[in-house]
N, C-alpha and C. Protein backbone atom coordinates (compact mmCIF):
# COMPACT_ATOMS: atom_id res chain seq x y z
N MET A 1 21.77 -8.38 -5.59
CA MET A 1 20.87 -8.99 -5.65
C MET A 1 20.04 -9.02 -4.30
N ILE A 2 18.84 -8.94 -3.96
CA ILE A 2 17.95 -9.40 -2.72
C ILE A 2 17.70 -11.22 -2.61
N PRO A 3 18.39 -11.21 -1.57
CA PRO A 3 17.69 -12.79 -1.15
C PRO A 3 16.83 -13.40 -1.16
N ALA A 4 16.45 -14.06 -1.82
CA ALA A 4 15.14 -14.54 -2.14
C ALA A 4 14.22 -15.02 -0.38
N ARG A 5 14.68 -15.01 0.50
CA ARG A 5 13.84 -14.97 1.85
C ARG A 5 13.35 -13.62 1.92
N ALA A 6 13.62 -12.65 1.31
CA ALA A 6 13.66 -11.02 1.88
C ALA A 6 12.40 -11.01 0.10
N ALA A 7 11.82 -11.78 -0.47
CA ALA A 7 10.63 -11.76 -1.05
C ALA A 7 9.40 -11.01 -0.68
N PRO A 8 8.53 -11.80 0.33
CA PRO A 8 7.62 -11.68 1.40
C PRO A 8 7.61 -10.16 1.11
N VAL A 9 8.65 -9.62 2.26
CA VAL A 9 8.40 -8.30 2.31
C VAL A 9 9.29 -7.18 1.71
N LEU A 10 9.75 -7.11 0.51
CA LEU A 10 9.65 -7.14 -0.76
C LEU A 10 8.48 -6.71 -1.69
N PHE A 11 7.82 -7.57 -1.54
CA PHE A 11 6.47 -7.26 -1.85
C PHE A 11 5.41 -6.68 -1.51
N GLY A 12 5.77 -7.06 -0.20
CA GLY A 12 4.39 -5.71 0.88
C GLY A 12 5.10 -4.56 0.64
N LEU A 13 6.45 -3.84 0.42
CA LEU A 13 6.79 -2.65 0.59
C LEU A 13 6.61 -2.30 -0.64
N ILE A 14 6.63 -2.76 -1.66
CA ILE A 14 6.13 -2.38 -3.15
C ILE A 14 4.75 -2.46 -3.25
N LEU A 15 3.96 -3.43 -2.91
CA LEU A 15 2.58 -3.21 -3.14
C LEU A 15 1.87 -2.21 -2.19
N SER A 16 2.24 -1.91 -1.08
CA SER A 16 1.81 -0.64 -0.46
C SER A 16 1.90 0.08 -0.56
N GLY A 17 3.20 0.42 -1.13
CA GLY A 17 3.55 1.44 -1.75
C GLY A 17 2.90 2.06 -2.97
N LEU A 18 2.87 1.15 -3.97
CA LEU A 18 1.79 1.20 -5.01
C LEU A 18 -0.06 2.01 -4.52
N MET A 19 -0.53 0.70 -3.77
CA MET A 19 -1.80 1.34 -3.85
C MET A 19 -1.32 2.24 -2.43
N SER A 20 -1.19 2.25 -2.08
CA SER A 20 -1.20 4.08 -1.42
C SER A 20 -0.72 5.14 -2.00
N LEU A 21 -0.11 5.19 -3.02
CA LEU A 21 0.13 5.79 -3.82
C LEU A 21 -0.97 6.32 -4.77
N ILE A 22 -1.86 5.42 -5.13
CA ILE A 22 -2.85 5.39 -5.81
C ILE A 22 -4.24 5.63 -4.97
N VAL A 23 -4.44 5.55 -4.15
CA VAL A 23 -5.69 5.80 -2.96
C VAL A 23 -5.13 7.55 -2.59
N SER A 24 -4.32 6.84 -2.04
CA SER A 24 -3.54 8.72 -0.95
C SER A 24 -4.18 9.77 -2.64
N GLY A 25 -3.39 9.59 -3.81
CA GLY A 25 -3.76 10.19 -4.78
C GLY A 25 -5.26 10.64 -5.02
N ILE A 26 -5.90 10.12 -5.33
CA ILE A 26 -7.23 10.32 -5.16
C ILE A 26 -7.76 10.48 -4.62
N ALA A 27 -7.86 10.29 -3.06
CA ALA A 27 -8.59 10.54 -1.66
C ALA A 27 -7.89 12.34 -1.76
N THR A 28 -6.66 12.58 -1.78
CA THR A 28 -6.37 14.15 -1.89
C THR A 28 -6.87 15.19 -3.26
N PHE A 29 -7.16 14.67 -4.30
CA PHE A 29 -7.82 15.40 -5.46
C PHE A 29 -8.93 15.67 -5.10
N ARG A 30 -9.39 14.58 -4.46
CA ARG A 30 -11.31 14.53 -4.22
C ARG A 30 -11.21 15.86 -3.26
N ALA A 31 -10.73 15.96 -1.73
CA ALA A 31 -11.08 16.38 -1.07
C ALA A 31 -10.26 18.05 -0.89
N ALA A 32 -8.87 17.88 -2.41
CA ALA A 32 -8.82 19.08 -2.47
C ALA A 32 -8.83 20.09 -4.13
N GLY A 33 -9.23 19.10 -4.86
CA GLY A 33 -9.53 19.21 -6.42
C GLY A 33 -8.19 19.55 -6.82
N PRO A 34 -8.01 20.18 -8.41
CA PRO A 34 -7.16 20.91 -9.05
C PRO A 34 -6.00 22.00 -8.47
N ALA A 35 -5.73 22.39 -7.27
CA ALA A 35 -5.73 23.47 -6.48
C ALA A 35 -3.48 24.15 -6.84
N ASP A 36 -3.30 24.71 -6.87
CA ASP A 36 -2.19 25.16 -6.04
C ASP A 36 -1.68 24.19 -4.95
N GLY A 37 0.07 23.41 -5.48
CA GLY A 37 0.73 22.26 -4.34
C GLY A 37 -0.31 21.32 -4.47
N ILE A 38 -1.10 20.90 -4.72
CA ILE A 38 -1.77 19.46 -4.94
C ILE A 38 -0.18 18.44 -5.18
N ILE A 39 0.45 18.10 -5.35
CA ILE A 39 1.32 17.72 -5.62
C ILE A 39 2.30 17.40 -4.24
N GLY A 40 2.42 18.28 -3.67
CA GLY A 40 3.33 18.34 -2.45
C GLY A 40 1.83 17.96 -1.34
N LEU A 41 1.04 18.37 -1.55
CA LEU A 41 -0.24 17.59 -0.16
C LEU A 41 0.03 16.07 -1.08
N TRP A 42 -0.29 15.77 -2.02
CA TRP A 42 -0.44 14.50 -2.35
C TRP A 42 0.85 13.14 -1.66
N MET A 43 2.12 13.88 -1.81
CA MET A 43 2.78 13.33 -1.70
C MET A 43 3.08 13.29 0.16
N GLY A 44 3.20 14.17 0.71
CA GLY A 44 2.74 14.38 2.30
C GLY A 44 1.68 13.24 2.34
N ALA A 45 0.69 13.01 1.91
CA ALA A 45 -0.49 12.52 2.35
C ALA A 45 0.04 10.04 2.03
N TRP A 46 0.75 10.87 0.67
CA TRP A 46 0.76 9.11 0.15
C TRP A 46 2.20 8.49 1.53
N LEU A 47 3.02 9.54 1.88
CA LEU A 47 4.62 9.01 3.09
C LEU A 47 3.31 8.87 3.77
N THR A 48 2.48 9.68 4.81
CA THR A 48 1.94 9.04 5.97
C THR A 48 1.28 7.82 5.71
N SER A 49 0.36 7.72 4.74
CA SER A 49 -0.59 6.42 4.30
C SER A 49 0.50 5.12 3.95
N TRP A 50 1.39 5.05 3.07
CA TRP A 50 2.72 4.68 3.82
C TRP A 50 3.32 3.20 4.99
N LEU A 51 3.39 4.47 5.72
CA LEU A 51 3.59 4.70 6.56
C LEU A 51 2.52 3.49 7.51
N VAL A 52 1.46 3.85 7.25
CA VAL A 52 0.61 2.80 7.75
C VAL A 52 0.62 1.49 7.20
N ALA A 53 0.40 1.57 5.73
CA ALA A 53 0.05 0.46 4.78
C ALA A 53 1.13 -0.67 4.81
N PHE A 54 2.36 -0.53 5.19
CA PHE A 54 3.43 -0.82 4.77
C PHE A 54 3.35 -2.45 6.10
N PRO A 55 2.83 -2.01 7.50
CA PRO A 55 2.66 -2.66 8.13
C PRO A 55 2.05 -3.86 8.16
N THR A 56 0.98 -2.84 7.81
CA THR A 56 -0.48 -3.77 7.80
C THR A 56 -0.54 -4.40 6.75
N VAL A 57 0.09 -4.45 5.48
CA VAL A 57 0.02 -5.39 4.64
C VAL A 57 1.34 -6.58 5.39
N LEU A 58 2.00 -6.90 5.77
CA LEU A 58 2.70 -6.96 6.63
C LEU A 58 1.92 -8.55 7.92
N VAL A 59 1.07 -7.69 8.38
CA VAL A 59 0.79 -8.12 9.25
C VAL A 59 -1.27 -9.15 8.25
N VAL A 60 -2.04 -8.40 7.68
CA VAL A 60 -2.60 -8.65 7.13
C VAL A 60 -2.39 -10.31 5.85
N ALA A 61 -1.39 -10.18 5.33
CA ALA A 61 -1.19 -10.87 4.33
C ALA A 61 -1.07 -12.46 5.24
N PRO A 62 -0.49 -12.89 5.78
CA PRO A 62 -1.12 -13.98 6.51
C PRO A 62 -2.20 -14.40 6.33
N LEU A 63 -3.06 -13.65 7.12
CA LEU A 63 -4.32 -13.85 7.63
C LEU A 63 -4.87 -14.25 5.86
N THR A 64 -4.86 -13.05 5.81
CA THR A 64 -5.41 -12.99 3.74
C THR A 64 -5.15 -14.19 3.10
N ARG A 65 -3.88 -14.79 3.05
CA ARG A 65 -3.80 -16.12 2.31
C ARG A 65 -4.30 -17.42 2.66
N ARG A 66 -4.23 -17.93 4.54
CA ARG A 66 -4.78 -18.64 4.95
C ARG A 66 -6.52 -18.20 4.87
N ILE A 67 -7.20 -17.34 4.33
CA ILE A 67 -8.18 -17.58 3.99
C ILE A 67 -8.84 -17.80 2.83
N VAL A 68 -7.83 -17.02 1.51
CA VAL A 68 -7.74 -17.55 0.09
C VAL A 68 -8.01 -18.86 0.48
N ALA A 69 -6.79 -19.69 0.90
CA ALA A 69 -6.68 -21.13 1.14
C ALA A 69 -7.97 -22.51 1.26
N LYS A 70 -8.83 -21.11 2.19
CA LYS A 70 -10.18 -21.64 2.63
C LYS A 70 -11.66 -21.65 1.39
N LEU A 71 -11.02 -20.59 1.01
CA LEU A 71 -12.24 -20.71 -0.35
C LEU A 71 -11.75 -21.30 -1.89
N VAL A 72 -10.35 -21.71 -1.60
CA VAL A 72 -10.40 -22.49 -3.19
C VAL A 72 -10.20 -23.65 -2.89
N ARG A 73 -10.26 -24.20 -4.41
CA ARG A 73 -10.17 -25.62 -4.26
C ARG A 73 -8.59 -25.85 -4.89
N PRO A 74 -8.13 -26.86 -3.81
CA PRO A 74 -6.40 -27.49 -3.90
C PRO A 74 -6.27 -28.46 -5.17
């Protein structure tokens, strides 16, 4: 099992992976259409976008939490 202190990083890894998978799939399909090799194009785009998305989520998440805390009533 993974220790609880790793939960925020694991959350960011999974969230960024799923979000980049979905967004890169849509963008790749819109750009290339239902062409041969679309899955390979998509996987290449996904891996590249995940490499950007994961560290971005880790950096932006604390800022987002602070913004949300200011917008909601305790």
